[in-house]
N, C-alpha and C. Protein backbone atom coordinates (compact mmCIF):
# COMPACT_ATOMS: atom_id res chain seq x y z
N MET A 1 92.47 105.70 111.85
CA MET A 1 91.98 106.33 110.47
C MET A 1 93.00 105.56 109.34
N THR A 2 92.12 105.01 109.02
CA THR A 2 92.39 104.05 107.36
C THR A 2 92.68 104.28 106.23
N LEU A 3 93.76 104.29 105.65
CA LEU A 3 93.53 105.80 104.24
C LEU A 3 94.04 104.97 102.10
N THR A 4 93.60 103.28 103.41
CA THR A 4 93.66 102.38 102.19
C THR A 4 92.68 102.45 100.75
N LYS A 5 91.60 103.39 101.06
CA LYS A 5 90.92 103.51 100.33
C LYS A 5 90.89 105.04 99.50
N HIS A 6 91.81 105.71 100.00
CA HIS A 6 91.67 107.14 99.31
C HIS A 6 92.77 107.10 97.82
N THR A 7 93.04 107.65 97.03
CA THR A 7 93.09 107.38 95.87
C THR A 7 94.43 108.19 95.85
N ILE A 8 95.87 108.45 94.86
CA ILE A 8 97.16 108.98 95.57
C ILE A 8 96.69 110.56 95.14
N GLU A 9 96.20 111.16 94.73
CA GLU A 9 95.99 112.51 95.00
C GLU A 9 95.61 112.95 96.44
N GLN A 10 94.43 112.41 96.52
CA GLN A 10 94.35 112.74 98.18
C GLN A 10 95.24 112.27 99.49
N LEU A 11 95.76 111.68 99.10
CA LEU A 11 97.22 110.75 100.30
C LEU A 11 98.49 112.40 99.09
N VAL A 12 98.66 112.65 98.61
CA VAL A 12 99.72 113.54 98.35
C VAL A 12 99.00 114.82 98.98
N THR A 13 98.08 115.16 98.92
CA THR A 13 97.81 115.92 99.66
C THR A 13 97.47 115.86 101.33
N LEU A 14 97.17 115.24 101.73
CA LEU A 14 97.62 114.50 103.48
C LEU A 14 98.95 114.82 103.25
N CYS A 15 99.40 114.65 102.93
CA CYS A 15 101.48 114.10 102.93
C CYS A 15 101.93 115.50 103.06
N ILE A 16 101.08 116.68 101.91
CA ILE A 16 102.11 117.98 101.69
C ILE A 16 101.11 118.71 103.09
N SER A 17 99.94 118.19 103.73
CA SER A 17 99.54 118.46 104.93
C SER A 17 100.31 118.17 106.38
N GLY A 18 101.21 117.06 106.03
CA GLY A 18 101.87 116.51 107.76
C GLY A 18 101.41 115.35 107.46
N ASN A 19 100.67 114.69 107.55
CA ASN A 19 100.25 113.58 107.75
C ASN A 19 101.21 112.44 107.18
N GLN A 20 101.69 111.47 108.19
CA GLN A 20 102.38 111.08 107.99
C GLN A 20 101.85 109.58 108.12
N LEU A 21 100.72 109.23 108.72
CA LEU A 21 99.83 108.08 107.78
C LEU A 21 99.74 108.00 106.86
N ALA A 22 99.39 109.09 105.58
CA ALA A 22 99.23 109.19 104.72
C ALA A 22 101.03 108.97 103.25
N GLN A 23 102.11 109.05 104.17
CA GLN A 23 102.92 109.36 103.88
C GLN A 23 103.37 107.27 103.51
N LEU A 24 102.97 106.97 105.31
CA LEU A 24 102.97 105.42 105.24
C LEU A 24 102.75 104.51 104.31
N GLU A 25 101.17 104.98 104.08
CA GLU A 25 100.23 104.29 102.66
C GLU A 25 101.10 104.21 101.59
N ILE A 26 101.48 105.58 101.08
CA ILE A 26 101.89 105.86 99.51
C ILE A 26 103.18 104.49 99.92
N TYR A 27 103.98 104.94 100.83
CA TYR A 27 105.26 103.58 100.81
C TYR A 27 104.79 102.61 100.56
N ASN A 28 103.81 102.22 101.35
CA ASN A 28 103.29 100.79 101.27
C ASN A 28 102.69 100.54 99.48
N ARG A 29 102.97 101.53 98.91
CA ARG A 29 101.59 101.26 98.07
C ARG A 29 103.06 100.47 96.80
N TYR A 30 103.90 101.48 97.32
CA TYR A 30 104.68 101.87 96.24
C TYR A 30 106.27 101.64 96.29
N TYR A 31 106.13 100.68 97.13
CA TYR A 31 107.93 100.21 97.50
C TYR A 31 109.11 99.20 97.35
N LYS A 32 107.25 98.18 96.97
CA LYS A 32 107.96 97.17 95.87
C LYS A 32 108.55 97.57 94.39
N ALA A 33 107.80 98.06 94.00
CA ALA A 33 107.86 98.44 91.86
C ALA A 33 108.93 99.49 92.44
N MET A 34 109.43 100.63 93.55
CA MET A 34 110.39 101.22 93.28
C MET A 34 111.74 100.70 93.28
N TYR A 35 111.46 99.80 94.26
CA TYR A 35 112.90 98.61 94.81
C TYR A 35 112.66 98.13 93.38
N ASN A 36 111.98 97.45 93.34
CA ASN A 36 112.43 96.77 91.30
C ASN A 36 112.86 97.40 90.95
N THR A 37 112.43 98.75 90.44
CA THR A 37 113.12 99.54 89.60
C THR A 37 114.58 100.27 89.89
N SER A 38 114.54 100.17 91.00
CA SER A 38 117.01 100.73 91.20
C SER A 38 116.87 99.40 91.27
N TYR A 39 116.68 97.86 91.46
CA TYR A 39 117.94 96.99 91.73
C TYR A 39 117.77 96.44 89.90
N ARG A 40 116.95 96.46 89.43
CA ARG A 40 117.04 96.61 88.04
C ARG A 40 118.46 97.00 87.46
N ILE A 41 118.79 98.39 87.98
CA ILE A 41 119.13 99.32 87.90
C ILE A 41 120.71 99.42 88.25
N VAL A 42 120.41 98.70 89.38
CA VAL A 42 121.83 98.81 90.25
C VAL A 42 122.30 97.41 90.46
N ASN A 43 121.62 96.15 90.73
CA ASN A 43 121.44 94.68 90.17
C ASN A 43 122.12 94.41 91.92
N ASN A 44 121.84 95.21 93.00
CA ASN A 44 122.50 95.17 94.12
C ASN A 44 121.59 95.15 95.19
N SER A 45 120.69 94.58 95.52
CA SER A 45 119.62 94.02 96.54
C SER A 45 120.11 95.79 97.49
N PHE A 46 120.89 95.34 97.83
CA PHE A 46 121.15 95.66 99.34
C PHE A 46 120.86 97.79 98.91
N GLU A 47 121.72 97.75 98.26
CA GLU A 47 122.15 98.94 97.33
C GLU A 47 120.87 99.68 96.99
N ALA A 48 119.77 98.67 96.48
CA ALA A 48 118.37 99.31 95.63
C ALA A 48 117.26 99.79 96.86
N GLU A 49 117.39 99.24 98.15
CA GLU A 49 116.78 99.36 98.95
C GLU A 49 116.93 100.32 99.95
N ASP A 50 118.47 100.55 99.81
CA ASP A 50 118.84 102.27 99.84
C ASP A 50 118.30 103.42 99.25
N ILE A 51 118.54 102.86 98.22
CA ILE A 51 118.05 103.91 96.69
C ILE A 51 116.89 104.42 96.63
N MET A 52 116.21 103.55 96.99
CA MET A 52 114.47 103.24 97.25
C MET A 52 114.17 104.12 98.86
N GLN A 53 114.56 103.83 99.54
CA GLN A 53 114.51 104.80 100.76
C GLN A 53 114.39 106.19 100.69
N GLU A 54 115.89 106.28 100.44
CA GLU A 54 116.02 107.98 100.45
C GLU A 54 115.30 108.50 98.81
N SER A 55 114.35 107.55 97.92
CA SER A 55 114.17 108.88 97.13
C SER A 55 112.92 108.64 97.23
N PHE A 56 112.08 107.82 98.60
CA PHE A 56 110.53 107.83 99.41
C PHE A 56 111.30 109.38 99.74
N LEU A 57 112.65 109.52 101.19
CA LEU A 57 112.33 110.46 101.53
C LEU A 57 112.42 111.69 100.94
N THR A 58 113.29 112.03 99.53
CA THR A 58 113.27 112.79 99.08
C THR A 58 112.14 113.19 98.51
N ALA A 59 111.26 112.84 97.78
CA ALA A 59 110.41 112.87 97.23
C ALA A 59 108.97 113.07 98.50
N PHE A 60 109.14 112.67 99.70
CA PHE A 60 108.11 113.23 101.30
C PHE A 60 108.73 115.10 101.06
N THR A 61 109.88 114.93 101.38
CA THR A 61 110.57 116.41 101.71
C THR A 61 110.37 117.23 100.83
N LYS A 62 110.21 116.96 99.44
CA LYS A 62 110.08 118.20 98.13
C LYS A 62 108.83 117.92 97.91
N LEU A 63 107.95 116.60 98.22
CA LEU A 63 106.44 117.52 97.50
C LEU A 63 106.00 118.62 97.41
N GLU A 64 106.69 119.92 98.03
CA GLU A 64 105.76 121.34 97.75
C GLU A 64 106.30 121.34 96.13
N LYS A 65 107.45 120.90 95.35
CA LYS A 65 108.11 121.05 94.45
C LYS A 65 107.14 120.61 92.88
N LEU A 66 106.30 119.42 93.80
CA LEU A 66 105.44 118.96 92.96
C LEU A 66 104.39 119.51 91.72
N LYS A 67 104.66 120.29 90.73
CA LYS A 67 103.27 121.13 90.07
C LYS A 67 102.54 120.34 89.42
N GLU A 68 102.40 119.12 89.22
CA GLU A 68 100.89 118.25 89.07
C GLU A 68 101.15 117.01 90.44
N ILE A 69 99.88 116.79 91.36
CA ILE A 69 99.82 115.78 92.53
C ILE A 69 99.54 114.93 91.71
N SER A 70 98.83 114.66 89.95
CA SER A 70 98.09 114.06 89.59
C SER A 70 99.97 112.65 88.79
N THR A 71 100.77 113.34 88.94
CA THR A 71 101.88 112.69 88.47
C THR A 71 102.79 112.39 89.77
N PHE A 72 102.26 112.53 90.31
CA PHE A 72 103.16 111.61 91.79
C PHE A 72 103.98 110.42 91.29
N THR A 73 103.65 109.76 90.81
CA THR A 73 103.48 108.36 90.62
C THR A 73 104.82 108.18 89.31
N ALA A 74 104.70 109.29 88.81
CA ALA A 74 106.12 109.13 88.00
C ALA A 74 106.74 110.19 88.75
N TRP A 75 106.46 110.47 88.78
CA TRP A 75 107.74 111.61 89.89
C TRP A 75 108.42 110.63 90.97
N LEU A 76 108.01 109.72 91.27
CA LEU A 76 108.26 109.33 92.72
C LEU A 76 109.91 108.23 91.73
N LYS A 77 109.25 108.03 90.67
CA LYS A 77 110.05 106.49 89.87
C LYS A 77 111.09 107.61 88.88
N ARG A 78 110.70 108.24 88.57
CA ARG A 78 111.95 109.52 88.22
C ARG A 78 112.63 109.83 88.94
N ILE A 79 112.57 110.53 90.71
CA ILE A 79 113.54 109.89 91.15
C ILE A 79 114.52 108.45 92.40
N VAL A 80 113.85 107.78 92.24
CA VAL A 80 114.63 106.32 91.94
C VAL A 80 115.04 106.00 91.06
N VAL A 81 114.70 106.64 90.03
CA VAL A 81 115.75 105.74 88.40
C VAL A 81 116.89 106.94 88.53
N ASN A 82 116.81 108.19 88.73
CA ASN A 82 117.91 109.12 88.45
C ASN A 82 119.19 108.49 90.15
N ASN A 83 118.65 108.68 91.04
CA ASN A 83 119.64 108.03 92.03
C ASN A 83 119.91 106.96 91.82
N SER A 84 119.17 105.97 90.68
CA SER A 84 119.77 104.72 90.91
C SER A 84 120.80 104.65 89.06
N VAL A 85 120.72 105.79 88.42
CA VAL A 85 121.57 105.71 87.64
C VAL A 85 122.71 106.05 88.32
N LYS A 86 122.69 106.98 89.10
CA LYS A 86 123.78 107.84 89.80
C LYS A 86 124.58 107.09 90.25
N ALA A 87 124.40 105.75 91.11
CA ALA A 87 124.97 105.10 91.96
C ALA A 87 125.89 103.68 91.53
N PHE A 88 124.92 103.72 89.98
CA PHE A 88 125.68 102.47 89.13
C PHE A 88 126.79 102.98 88.76
N ASN A 89 126.75 104.38 88.03
CA ASN A 89 127.88 104.99 87.44
C ASN A 89 128.54 105.41 88.84
N LYS A 90 128.49 105.45 89.93
CA LYS A 90 129.68 105.62 91.01
C LYS A 90 130.39 104.42 91.12
N ASN A 91 129.85 103.38 91.30
CA ASN A 91 130.21 102.04 91.84
C ASN A 91 130.51 101.72 90.36
N LYS A 92 129.94 101.92 89.31
CA LYS A 92 130.89 102.01 88.39
C LYS A 92 132.33 102.24 87.65
N LYS A 93 132.29 103.37 88.46
CA LYS A 93 133.59 104.03 88.46
C LYS A 93 135.10 103.94 89.30
N ASN A 94 134.59 103.38 90.99
CA ASN A 94 134.68 103.11 91.86
C ASN A 94 135.44 101.40 92.01
N GLY A 95 134.48 100.33 90.62
CA GLY A 95 135.32 99.50 90.28
C GLY A 95 134.48 98.38 91.16
N GLU A 96 133.60 98.35 92.03
CA GLU A 96 132.74 97.96 92.74
C GLU A 96 132.31 96.65 91.84
N VAL A 97 131.84 95.79 92.67
CA VAL A 97 130.80 94.29 92.95
C VAL A 97 130.00 94.09 93.79
N GLY A 98 128.87 94.14 93.38
CA GLY A 98 128.10 93.59 93.93
C GLY A 98 127.83 92.64 94.76
N LEU A 99 127.65 92.77 96.14
CA LEU A 99 127.38 90.92 97.11
C LEU A 99 126.56 90.82 96.31
N ASP A 100 125.29 91.36 95.15
CA ASP A 100 124.97 89.96 94.14
C ASP A 100 125.04 88.72 93.36
N ASP A 101 126.40 89.49 92.70
CA ASP A 101 127.26 88.94 92.05
C ASP A 101 128.21 87.83 92.83
N VAL A 102 127.92 88.07 93.93
CA VAL A 102 129.07 86.85 94.71
C VAL A 102 128.78 85.85 95.20
N LEU A 103 127.10 86.36 95.74
CA LEU A 103 126.40 84.98 96.48
C LEU A 103 125.75 84.27 95.19
N TYR A 104 125.42 83.14 95.97
CA TYR A 104 124.31 81.78 94.60
C TYR A 104 123.29 81.93 95.86
N LYS A 105 121.98 81.93 94.57
CA LYS A 105 121.21 81.61 95.33
C LYS A 105 120.29 80.99 94.75
N ILE A 106 119.96 79.95 96.00
CA ILE A 106 119.03 78.81 95.88
C ILE A 106 118.19 78.51 95.90
N GLU A 107 117.31 78.14 95.32
CA GLU A 107 115.85 78.64 94.84
C GLU A 107 115.27 77.27 95.28
N ASP A 108 113.74 77.40 95.45
CA ASP A 108 113.00 75.63 95.90
C ASP A 108 112.11 75.48 94.87
N HIS A 109 111.82 74.93 93.83
CA HIS A 109 110.93 74.52 92.57
C HIS A 109 110.23 73.91 92.55
N GLN A 110 110.30 73.22 93.63
CA GLN A 110 109.37 72.11 94.16
C GLN A 110 107.66 72.50 94.03
N GLY A 111 107.02 70.87 93.16
CA GLY A 111 105.40 72.09 93.01
C GLY A 111 105.15 72.91 91.96
N VAL A 112 106.28 73.14 91.50
CA VAL A 112 105.79 74.21 90.55
C VAL A 112 105.44 73.82 88.84
N ASP A 113 105.19 74.17 87.95
CA ASP A 113 104.27 74.13 86.52
C ASP A 113 105.78 73.60 85.60
N THR A 114 106.01 73.14 85.24
CA THR A 114 106.70 72.72 84.36
C THR A 114 107.21 73.58 83.61
N THR A 115 105.53 74.00 82.70
CA THR A 115 105.69 75.55 81.92
C THR A 115 105.93 76.80 82.48
N THR A 116 105.52 76.99 83.72
CA THR A 116 106.15 78.01 84.22
C THR A 116 107.39 78.15 84.62
N GLU A 117 108.20 76.94 84.93
CA GLU A 117 110.08 77.01 85.36
C GLU A 117 109.80 77.45 84.31
N ILE A 118 109.77 76.64 83.11
CA ILE A 118 110.26 76.93 81.81
C ILE A 118 110.46 78.51 81.46
N THR A 119 109.36 78.99 81.88
CA THR A 119 109.42 80.79 81.76
C THR A 119 110.34 81.03 82.47
N SER A 120 110.32 80.89 83.93
CA SER A 120 111.08 81.72 85.09
C SER A 120 112.49 81.57 83.92
N VAL A 121 112.64 80.37 84.24
CA VAL A 121 114.39 79.97 83.44
C VAL A 121 114.66 80.93 82.28
N LYS A 122 114.02 81.18 81.32
CA LYS A 122 114.23 81.81 80.24
C LYS A 122 114.12 83.35 80.52
N ALA A 123 113.23 83.86 81.58
CA ALA A 123 112.90 85.29 81.97
C ALA A 123 114.63 85.20 82.27
N LYS A 124 115.35 84.40 83.39
CA LYS A 124 115.79 84.55 84.53
C LYS A 124 117.63 84.76 83.01
N GLN A 125 117.42 83.68 82.58
CA GLN A 125 118.51 84.24 81.44
C GLN A 125 118.41 85.53 80.22
N ILE A 126 117.15 85.94 79.53
CA ILE A 126 117.39 86.93 79.81
C ILE A 126 117.86 88.18 80.35
N LEU A 127 117.63 88.45 81.59
CA LEU A 127 117.59 89.11 82.41
C LEU A 127 119.22 89.06 82.80
N ASP A 128 119.74 88.20 82.92
CA ASP A 128 121.39 87.44 82.49
C ASP A 128 121.81 88.17 81.57
N TYR A 129 121.62 87.69 80.64
CA TYR A 129 122.38 88.68 79.50
C TYR A 129 121.93 89.61 79.54
N LEU A 130 120.91 90.54 79.96
CA LEU A 130 120.76 92.21 79.67
C LEU A 130 122.07 92.48 80.31
N ASN A 131 122.12 91.42 82.13
CA ASN A 131 122.93 92.79 83.22
C ASN A 131 124.44 92.49 81.92
N GLN A 132 124.55 90.74 81.73
CA GLN A 132 126.37 91.00 80.49
C GLN A 132 126.20 92.15 80.01
N LEU A 133 125.47 93.04 79.03
CA LEU A 133 125.71 93.66 77.94
C LEU A 133 126.61 94.66 78.99
N LYS A 134 127.39 95.52 77.82
CA LYS A 134 128.15 97.05 78.17
C LYS A 134 126.43 97.88 79.57
N SER A 135 127.47 98.65 80.58
CA SER A 135 126.83 99.26 81.15
C SER A 135 125.94 100.32 81.45
N ASN A 136 126.15 100.79 79.66
CA ASN A 136 125.13 101.99 78.51
C ASN A 136 124.01 101.53 78.50
N TYR A 137 124.07 100.34 77.92
CA TYR A 137 123.62 99.24 76.99
C TYR A 137 122.81 98.59 78.06
N LYS A 138 122.76 98.33 79.52
CA LYS A 138 122.15 97.74 79.93
C LYS A 138 121.24 98.63 80.80
N ILE A 139 121.48 99.91 80.70
CA ILE A 139 120.60 101.25 81.35
C ILE A 139 119.78 101.59 80.33
N ALA A 140 120.08 101.56 78.98
CA ALA A 140 119.36 102.28 78.11
C ALA A 140 118.12 101.12 77.97
N LEU A 141 118.70 100.01 78.01
CA LEU A 141 117.57 98.83 77.80
C LEU A 141 116.86 98.66 78.68
N THR A 142 117.16 99.34 80.04
CA THR A 142 116.04 98.57 81.31
C THR A 142 115.32 99.72 81.16
N LEU A 143 116.05 100.68 80.93
CA LEU A 143 114.94 101.94 81.03
C LEU A 143 113.81 102.24 79.83
N HIS A 144 114.40 101.34 78.59
CA HIS A 144 113.39 101.47 77.47
C HIS A 144 112.55 100.53 77.49
N LEU A 145 113.20 99.44 77.70
CA LEU A 145 112.43 98.27 77.45
C LEU A 145 111.66 97.93 79.01
N ILE A 146 111.88 97.58 79.75
CA ILE A 146 111.77 97.67 81.17
C ILE A 146 110.60 97.97 82.04
N GLU A 147 111.62 99.83 81.94
CA GLU A 147 110.83 100.90 82.45
C GLU A 147 109.85 101.35 81.40
N GLY A 148 110.07 101.88 80.15
CA GLY A 148 108.63 102.08 79.60
C GLY A 148 109.37 103.71 79.19
N TYR A 149 110.48 104.26 79.40
CA TYR A 149 111.01 106.05 79.47
C TYR A 149 110.42 105.63 77.85
N ASP A 150 110.81 107.03 77.12
CA ASP A 150 110.78 106.79 75.79
C ASP A 150 112.54 108.24 75.82
N TYR A 151 112.74 107.79 74.31
CA TYR A 151 114.13 108.05 74.01
C TYR A 151 114.40 109.60 74.78
N GLU A 152 113.68 110.56 74.61
CA GLU A 152 113.85 111.73 75.21
C GLU A 152 114.09 111.53 76.29
N GLU A 153 113.84 111.33 77.12
CA GLU A 153 113.13 111.25 78.48
C GLU A 153 114.69 109.90 79.18
N ILE A 154 114.94 109.05 78.36
CA ILE A 154 116.48 108.67 78.29
C ILE A 154 117.25 109.09 78.33
N SER A 155 117.47 110.03 77.20
CA SER A 155 118.65 111.15 77.04
C SER A 155 118.96 111.44 78.04
N GLN A 156 117.76 112.45 78.86
CA GLN A 156 118.12 113.18 79.53
C GLN A 156 118.21 111.96 81.24
N ILE A 157 117.74 111.38 81.13
CA ILE A 157 118.92 110.80 82.53
C ILE A 157 119.73 110.32 82.15
N MET A 158 120.21 109.56 80.89
CA MET A 158 121.44 109.09 80.81
C MET A 158 122.47 110.48 80.33
N GLU A 159 121.84 111.62 80.25
CA GLU A 159 122.39 112.87 79.92
C GLU A 159 123.38 112.67 77.97
N ILE A 160 122.84 112.19 77.93
CA ILE A 160 123.28 111.68 76.14
C ILE A 160 122.15 112.80 75.31
N SER A 161 122.92 112.90 74.17
CA SER A 161 121.88 113.55 73.21
C SER A 161 121.17 112.58 72.88
N TYR A 162 119.64 113.04 72.25
CA TYR A 162 118.93 111.98 71.73
C TYR A 162 119.08 111.06 70.39
N ALA A 163 120.01 111.48 69.59
CA ALA A 163 120.36 110.78 68.70
C ALA A 163 121.44 109.97 68.67
N ASN A 164 122.36 110.53 70.19
CA ASN A 164 123.34 109.18 70.75
C ASN A 164 122.00 108.22 71.95
N CYS A 165 121.48 108.21 71.91
CA CYS A 165 120.45 107.92 73.04
C CYS A 165 119.99 106.54 71.76
N ARG A 166 118.62 107.10 70.64
CA ARG A 166 118.39 106.19 70.28
C ARG A 166 119.81 105.14 70.06
N THR A 167 120.85 105.63 68.79
CA THR A 167 121.85 104.63 68.37
C THR A 167 122.20 103.81 69.39
N THR A 168 122.31 104.18 70.74
CA THR A 168 122.94 103.37 71.98
C THR A 168 121.26 102.27 71.94
N VAL A 169 120.33 102.39 72.42
CA VAL A 169 119.45 101.69 72.35
C VAL A 169 119.34 100.69 71.25
N SER A 170 119.50 101.19 69.61
CA SER A 170 119.37 99.95 69.20
C SER A 170 120.36 99.54 69.19
N ARG A 171 122.06 99.77 69.37
CA ARG A 171 122.52 99.18 69.66
C ARG A 171 123.20 97.39 70.64
N ALA A 172 122.42 98.14 71.46
CA ALA A 172 121.87 97.05 72.70
C ALA A 172 120.93 96.08 72.37
N LYS A 173 119.55 96.65 71.91
CA LYS A 173 118.99 96.00 71.69
C LYS A 173 119.76 95.04 70.70
N GLU A 174 120.43 95.27 69.50
CA GLU A 174 121.06 94.17 68.94
C GLU A 174 122.23 92.89 69.94
N SER A 175 122.49 93.95 70.12
CA SER A 175 123.31 92.74 71.44
C SER A 175 123.12 92.29 71.86
N LEU A 176 121.74 92.01 72.66
CA LEU A 176 120.73 91.66 73.68
C LEU A 176 120.71 90.46 72.46
N ARG A 177 120.12 91.08 71.11
CA ARG A 177 120.03 90.15 70.28
C ARG A 177 120.42 88.51 70.19
N LYS A 178 122.12 89.19 69.97
CA LYS A 178 123.12 88.47 68.92
C LYS A 178 122.75 87.16 70.69
N LYS A 179 122.87 88.05 71.40
CA LYS A 179 122.96 86.60 73.13
C LYS A 179 122.21 85.92 73.38
N LEU A 180 121.11 86.46 72.94
CA LEU A 180 119.44 85.64 72.81
C LEU A 180 119.61 84.62 72.26
N GLU A 181 120.58 84.47 71.07
CA GLU A 181 120.40 83.99 70.10
C GLU A 181 121.08 81.81 70.01
N GLN A 182 121.56 82.49 71.41
CA GLN A 182 122.54 81.88 72.11
C GLN A 182 121.57 80.86 72.96
N LEU A 183 120.36 81.13 73.05
CA LEU A 183 119.51 80.31 73.67
C LEU A 183 118.17 79.71 72.83
N ASN A 184 118.75 79.67 71.61
CA ASN A 184 118.13 78.51 70.88
C ASN A 184 118.98 77.75 69.71
């Protein structure tokens, strides 16, 4: 039985009734996006993979708590973000250094258009500068600029006041802007 043509609402309904093929289809549709969301926060590929897996398990076991089936994707993303922020704060508290920070990645750029290469280099530099920011700045900017959360949602995720959230995002943008001026 193939479920690739089903809508997310149909798949979630099938999941609620215990259909494991529907769970697999949802996983296949969203695992890359959820991994990327987690990775941008924890900056560790192995941990992001674990967080993504655990978040899917949490979502599938708590589907009955989902009020609106149509909001499944946002709900799943929120679970991933919350788990990622929790893991990031735990690692920061324990002073752990991620394997991705230690290993160097060698990429082969043969046959790549130079404009694409320049764009990807600038994007990588921007992400590197983002990762150099203070941890609360990095999380706030990632949630705001990359994940698209508004100030109210960020303040809830980071457990800070709305005013503090706006100030943090503003200061983080300014800090990133100063680092980016070094590029030019």
